[in-house]
C-alpha cells in the first residue's frame, strides 16, 4: 500500500479540473436574431438552430448573457440568465421560466 500512496500526487496543482459542468454562454442578441417573436426557446430549439452542440451525448446547460434588448418578446424555458439579460428580456415583453 505504501508504494501506491507514494505514487499519488501531493497536491492537485494546475492539473486539477473541476467536475462541475460549466454552462455554455450565449449572447441575447445572437439568440434573438435566430428566432421569431413570441417563440418558445429551450435547449432543443437552440440545438436545432445551430447555436449549441451536444456535449458527451447530451445537451449542455445554457446561460444567456448580454444587456441588449431583443426588440421582440421571446419566451425561454430551462435556461439560466444573467441579471442584465433577464432585465432586457422582460423589458421587451419576454419571459424566462
Protein backbone atom coordinates (compact mmCIF):
# COMPACT_ATOMS: atom_id res chain seq x y z
CA UNK A 1 0.00 0.00 0.00
CA UNK A 2 2.86 2.38 0.76
CA UNK A 3 4.03 2.28 -2.88
CA UNK A 4 0.57 3.20 -4.15
CA UNK A 5 0.31 6.14 -1.75
CA UNK A 6 3.73 7.42 -2.75
CA UNK A 7 2.71 7.46 -6.43
CA UNK A 8 -0.25 9.77 -5.78
CA UNK A 9 0.45 13.46 -6.31
CA UNK A 10 0.84 15.50 -3.14
CA UNK A 11 -1.15 18.44 -4.42
CA UNK A 12 -3.73 18.91 -7.15
CA UNK A 13 -1.91 21.85 -8.71
CA UNK A 14 -2.70 23.21 -12.14
CA UNK A 15 -3.81 19.83 -13.48
CA UNK A 16 -6.98 19.69 -11.44
CA UNK A 17 -10.15 20.32 -13.45
CA UNK A 18 -13.45 20.85 -11.71
CA UNK A 19 -16.05 18.15 -12.16
CA UNK A 20 -18.79 20.79 -12.31
CA UNK A 21 -20.23 21.29 -15.78
CA UNK A 22 -19.90 24.92 -16.84
CA UNK A 23 -22.86 26.33 -18.81
CA UNK A 24 -22.39 27.48 -22.38
CA UNK A 25 -22.85 31.23 -22.69
CA UNK A 26 -24.85 32.81 -25.49
CA UNK A 27 -25.47 36.47 -26.25
CA UNK A 28 -29.10 37.57 -26.10
CA UNK A 29 -28.81 39.41 -29.42
CA UNK A 30 -27.49 36.30 -31.19
CA UNK A 31 -30.41 34.24 -29.91
CA UNK A 32 -32.98 36.92 -30.78
CA UNK A 33 -31.65 37.16 -34.33
CA UNK A 34 -32.41 33.47 -34.98
CA UNK A 35 -35.92 33.24 -33.51
CA UNK A 36 -39.26 34.85 -34.35
CA UNK A 37 -41.25 36.97 -31.92
CA UNK A 38 -43.29 35.05 -29.36
CA UNK A 39 -41.46 31.79 -29.94
CA UNK A 40 -40.66 29.48 -27.02
CA UNK A 41 -36.95 28.69 -26.81
CA UNK A 42 -35.38 25.77 -24.96
CA UNK A 43 -32.11 23.87 -25.33
CA UNK A 44 -33.50 21.66 -28.11
CA UNK A 45 -34.52 24.74 -30.12
CA UNK A 46 -31.03 26.19 -29.67
CA UNK A 47 -29.56 22.90 -30.87
CA UNK A 48 -31.84 22.91 -33.91
CA UNK A 49 -30.73 26.43 -34.90
CA UNK A 50 -27.05 25.51 -34.53
CA UNK A 51 -26.33 27.82 -31.59
CA UNK A 52 -25.16 24.97 -29.33
CA UNK A 53 -23.76 21.47 -29.84
CA UNK A 54 -24.17 18.26 -27.91
CA UNK A 55 -21.54 17.60 -25.26
CA UNK A 56 -20.80 14.00 -24.28
CA UNK A 57 -24.03 12.87 -25.92
CA UNK A 58 -26.30 15.27 -24.04
CA UNK A 59 -27.49 18.84 -24.13
CA UNK A 60 -25.28 21.14 -22.05
CA UNK A 61 -26.65 23.75 -19.65
CA UNK A 62 -27.01 27.19 -21.25
CA UNK A 63 -26.75 30.70 -19.82
CA UNK A 64 -27.88 33.80 -21.70
CA UNK A 65 -25.82 36.94 -21.16
CA UNK A 66 -25.87 40.49 -22.53
CA UNK A 67 -27.80 43.65 -21.81
CA UNK A 68 -29.02 44.50 -25.32
CA UNK A 69 -32.79 44.40 -25.64
CA UNK A 70 -34.02 41.83 -28.18
CA UNK A 71 -36.78 44.21 -29.50
CA UNK A 72 -39.28 41.34 -29.59
CA UNK A 73 -40.87 39.14 -26.95
CA UNK A 74 -39.18 35.75 -26.57
CA UNK A 75 -40.09 33.03 -24.07
CA UNK A 76 -37.37 30.81 -22.62
CA UNK A 77 -37.69 27.50 -20.76
CA UNK A 78 -34.97 25.76 -18.74
CA UNK A 79 -32.26 28.30 -19.47
CA UNK A 80 -30.30 30.42 -16.99
CA UNK A 81 -29.91 34.17 -17.36
CA UNK A 82 -27.60 36.89 -16.16
CA UNK A 83 -29.34 39.70 -14.28
CA UNK A 84 -28.81 42.17 -17.14
CA UNK A 85 -30.10 39.73 -19.78
CA UNK A 86 -33.20 38.91 -17.72
CA UNK A 87 -33.97 42.62 -17.28
CA UNK A 88 -33.54 43.28 -21.02
CA UNK A 89 -35.73 40.30 -21.91
CA UNK A 90 -38.53 41.35 -19.55
CA UNK A 91 -38.34 44.94 -20.84
CA UNK A 92 -39.05 43.62 -24.33
CA UNK A 93 -42.07 41.65 -23.09
CA UNK A 94 -40.44 38.25 -22.93
CA UNK A 95 -40.30 35.74 -20.09
CA UNK A 96 -37.91 33.20 -18.61
CA UNK A 97 -39.16 30.10 -16.78
